[in-house]
Each structure stands twice: as structure tokens, then as C-alpha cells.
């Protein structure tokens, strides 16, 4: 009888853990395994908080790291100083970040920009504004923070939800060259 109770508890735990993932099509990573099934990164042209425009196509031939984040995400906020350090260092990849005003409980653009200007240790971070989450949806962002790794050929190598340290980001780009 004890074994039956343990089995029921185990099955219930597996069911609950599966339910927490949300969308049944959602996965923790998206990988392009070979060139035959490689998927190109969705392109975009977005303005940053200063009004300068950034187009992903401008980085052809370069690896690109994109961090999707939100102002209300405590994990994102805790990682801003580390992201600022990464963006300020000489790397063999470009570092961008994307915030989606008016999407998924994010502030509107004006409120976000005002808020962000008061955040310390962010001078190196390029924050692009993805109004209404159009680009976040194209990259299948389901949680914040989410990292996207784009190869120099424009291939979306991987998207990965959760915090990733600078050393992990650097190692990831070393492995895809």
C-alpha cells in the first residue's frame, strides 16, 4: 500500500511539473541542428530609447546576442549590471537587448524610458523598443529574461529562457564559430 501511495504522489508530481510549462509546444530551447533545418533569425528594425534605429540586417557577418527582458522582472533587473559589463567589453559578437512596451505587463514606451534613465550601471546597454511585443512573439519569448544567439550567417542558433551569465554567453559563441 505504501508503494501505491508513493507511485500516486510521483505521477501527480510529474503531471504538475508538466502543467507548469504552459504551452505544450513550448520548449526550453530552440536549436538549429544542421544547415538543412537551420532557421534564420526573424529580422527587425527597432528604435532604441534614444531614437536611434537598429536593423538586424546591419549585423550580417557578425554573431549577435539578444537579451529579451522586462522592467518588472526581478531576475532581469539583477542581471542588468552584468549585461552592462558584457556590452561594454570588446567581444566578437554584438550585444543588444529588447524590451516590449505595452506587451506582457510592460510599461508604455514613455514610462519605460523615464524609468530606465533612472537605473544605474546601464550606460553600455542598447535597449531596443519592441512595441506591443511583435519581435518577442516572433522569437517565441515566453519568459523573461530570454537569450537569443544568432550566428554570423543570420541563423537563430538557440533561444534560452532564464538568466545566463556572461561567461556562459561567451562560451556559447566560442562553440558556434
Protein backbone atom coordinates (compact mmCIF):
# COMPACT_ATOMS: atom_id res chain seq x y z
CA UNK A 1 0.00 0.00 0.00
CA UNK A 2 2.88 2.34 0.76
CA UNK A 3 4.32 1.79 -2.74
CA UNK A 4 0.98 2.66 -4.33
CA UNK A 5 0.85 5.96 -2.41
CA UNK A 6 4.40 6.78 -3.49
CA UNK A 7 3.52 5.97 -7.10
CA UNK A 8 0.43 8.21 -6.98
CA UNK A 9 2.49 11.06 -5.49
CA UNK A 10 5.16 10.61 -8.18
CA UNK A 11 2.60 10.62 -11.01
CA UNK A 12 0.91 13.72 -9.56
CA UNK A 13 4.28 15.49 -9.30
CA UNK A 14 5.16 14.70 -12.92
CA UNK A 15 1.73 15.91 -14.05
CA UNK A 16 2.07 19.18 -12.10
CA UNK A 17 5.58 19.83 -13.39
CA UNK A 18 4.39 19.27 -16.95
CA UNK A 19 1.49 21.66 -16.40
CA UNK A 20 3.84 24.44 -15.25
CA UNK A 21 5.49 24.58 -18.65
CA UNK A 22 2.39 26.24 -20.09
CA UNK A 23 2.14 25.77 -23.84
CA UNK A 24 2.59 22.14 -24.84
CA UNK A 25 4.56 23.29 -27.89
CA UNK A 26 6.93 25.33 -25.71
CA UNK A 27 10.46 24.05 -25.19
CA UNK A 28 13.26 25.42 -23.10
CA UNK A 29 15.46 25.87 -26.13
CA UNK A 30 15.17 26.28 -29.85
CA UNK A 31 18.15 24.93 -31.74
CA UNK A 32 19.10 24.76 -35.36
CA UNK A 33 20.91 21.43 -35.53
CA UNK A 34 22.22 21.50 -39.09
CA UNK A 35 22.16 23.76 -42.09
CA UNK A 36 19.36 21.64 -43.57
CA UNK A 37 16.93 22.54 -40.80
CA UNK A 38 18.54 25.87 -39.86
CA UNK A 39 16.13 28.68 -39.15
CA UNK A 40 17.01 32.25 -39.87
CA UNK A 41 16.52 34.73 -37.06
CA UNK A 42 13.46 36.92 -37.51
CA UNK A 43 14.65 40.28 -38.80
CA UNK A 44 13.73 43.56 -37.21
CA UNK A 45 14.23 47.28 -37.34
CA UNK A 46 13.70 48.85 -33.93
CA UNK A 47 14.42 52.21 -32.32
CA UNK A 48 16.32 52.37 -29.08
CA UNK A 49 15.46 54.56 -26.12
CA UNK A 50 17.40 57.45 -27.70
CA UNK A 51 15.54 57.17 -31.01
CA UNK A 52 18.40 55.58 -32.97
CA UNK A 53 17.33 52.78 -35.31
CA UNK A 54 18.86 49.29 -35.29
CA UNK A 55 18.31 46.74 -38.03
CA UNK A 56 19.38 43.13 -37.53
CA UNK A 57 20.47 43.01 -41.19
CA UNK A 58 23.17 45.60 -40.38
CA UNK A 59 24.99 42.90 -38.38
CA UNK A 60 25.35 40.45 -41.27
CA UNK A 61 28.63 38.60 -40.85
CA UNK A 62 28.63 39.13 -37.07
CA UNK A 63 27.31 36.99 -34.23
CA UNK A 64 24.56 38.69 -32.25
CA UNK A 65 23.41 38.13 -28.67
CA UNK A 66 19.96 39.46 -27.79
CA UNK A 67 18.55 39.58 -24.29
CA UNK A 68 14.77 39.97 -24.04
CA UNK A 69 13.82 41.39 -20.67
CA UNK A 70 11.20 43.41 -18.76
CA UNK A 71 11.33 46.18 -16.16
CA UNK A 72 9.11 44.22 -13.76
CA UNK A 73 11.30 41.08 -13.89
CA UNK A 74 13.45 40.84 -10.76
CA UNK A 75 15.84 38.34 -12.37
CA UNK A 76 16.25 40.71 -15.33
CA UNK A 77 16.97 43.66 -13.08
CA UNK A 78 19.50 41.66 -11.07
CA UNK A 79 21.32 40.86 -14.33
CA UNK A 80 21.45 44.39 -15.76
CA UNK A 81 24.85 45.24 -14.27
CA UNK A 82 26.30 42.03 -15.70
CA UNK A 83 24.71 42.76 -19.11
CA UNK A 84 26.15 46.28 -18.96
CA UNK A 85 29.62 44.82 -18.36
CA UNK A 86 29.24 42.40 -21.29
CA UNK A 87 28.04 45.16 -23.61
CA UNK A 88 30.97 47.37 -22.59
CA UNK A 89 33.66 44.76 -23.23
CA UNK A 90 35.28 44.04 -26.58
CA UNK A 91 33.62 40.85 -27.85
CA UNK A 92 33.42 39.02 -31.16
CA UNK A 93 29.65 39.40 -31.02
CA UNK A 94 27.17 42.27 -30.79
CA UNK A 95 25.11 42.69 -27.61
CA UNK A 96 21.55 44.03 -27.89
CA UNK A 97 18.61 43.99 -25.51
CA UNK A 98 14.93 44.19 -26.34
CA UNK A 99 12.08 45.38 -24.15
CA UNK A 100 8.45 45.24 -25.33
CA UNK A 101 6.40 48.24 -24.19
CA UNK A 102 2.66 47.60 -23.95
CA UNK A 103 3.20 43.83 -24.02
CA UNK A 104 3.13 41.28 -21.22
CA UNK A 105 2.63 43.87 -18.46
CA UNK A 106 5.50 46.12 -19.58
CA UNK A 107 5.15 49.88 -19.18
CA UNK A 108 4.37 52.04 -22.21
CA UNK A 109 7.41 53.46 -24.05
CA UNK A 110 7.43 56.87 -22.37
CA UNK A 111 7.12 55.41 -18.87
CA UNK A 112 9.77 52.78 -19.59
CA UNK A 113 12.27 55.31 -20.97
CA UNK A 114 11.73 57.60 -17.97
CA UNK A 115 12.18 54.66 -15.60
CA UNK A 116 15.26 53.29 -17.41
CA UNK A 117 17.04 56.65 -17.35
CA UNK A 118 17.00 56.37 -13.54
CA UNK A 119 18.59 52.91 -13.47
CA UNK A 120 22.29 52.92 -12.60
CA UNK A 121 25.07 50.98 -14.35
CA UNK A 122 23.35 50.70 -17.73
CA UNK A 123 25.34 53.10 -19.94
CA UNK A 124 26.58 50.35 -22.29
CA UNK A 125 23.26 48.57 -22.80
CA UNK A 126 21.48 49.14 -26.10
CA UNK A 127 17.77 48.89 -25.25
CA UNK A 128 15.60 48.46 -28.33
CA UNK A 129 11.85 49.05 -28.05
CA UNK A 130 9.63 46.35 -29.49
CA UNK A 131 6.20 48.00 -29.32
CA UNK A 132 3.44 45.53 -28.44
CA UNK A 133 5.86 42.55 -28.46
CA UNK A 134 5.88 41.87 -32.19
CA UNK A 135 9.52 40.72 -32.22
CA UNK A 136 9.25 38.91 -28.88
CA UNK A 137 6.41 36.85 -30.37
CA UNK A 138 8.47 36.06 -33.48
CA UNK A 139 11.28 34.79 -31.25
CA UNK A 140 8.77 32.77 -29.17
CA UNK A 141 9.70 34.58 -25.95
CA UNK A 142 7.59 33.04 -23.20
CA UNK A 143 9.56 34.10 -20.15
CA UNK A 144 11.94 36.85 -19.06
CA UNK A 145 14.81 37.00 -19.37
CA UNK A 146 15.28 35.07 -22.62
CA UNK A 147 18.53 34.95 -24.57
CA UNK A 148 18.77 34.58 -28.34
CA UNK A 149 22.00 33.56 -30.04
CA UNK A 150 22.29 34.46 -33.72
CA UNK A 151 25.15 33.17 -35.88
CA UNK A 152 27.11 35.33 -38.30
CA UNK A 153 25.10 33.81 -41.17
CA UNK A 154 21.84 35.05 -39.62
CA UNK A 155 20.82 31.64 -38.29
CA UNK A 156 18.98 31.56 -34.97
CA UNK A 157 21.23 29.14 -33.11
CA UNK A 158 19.29 28.99 -29.84
CA UNK A 159 16.80 30.77 -27.64
CA UNK A 160 17.07 30.07 -23.96
CA UNK A 161 14.82 31.32 -21.16
CA UNK A 162 16.33 32.25 -17.80
CA UNK A 163 19.42 34.08 -16.64
CA UNK A 164 22.66 33.29 -18.45
CA UNK A 165 25.98 34.51 -17.08
CA UNK A 166 28.46 36.46 -19.19
CA UNK A 167 30.90 33.54 -19.13
CA UNK A 168 28.17 31.20 -20.43
CA UNK A 169 27.31 33.64 -23.23
CA UNK A 170 30.95 33.96 -24.26
CA UNK A 171 31.41 30.17 -24.19
CA UNK A 172 28.27 29.67 -26.28
CA UNK A 173 29.61 31.96 -29.02
CA UNK A 174 33.00 30.20 -28.93
CA UNK A 175 31.20 26.90 -29.54
CA UNK A 176 29.31 28.13 -32.61
CA UNK A 177 32.26 29.60 -34.51
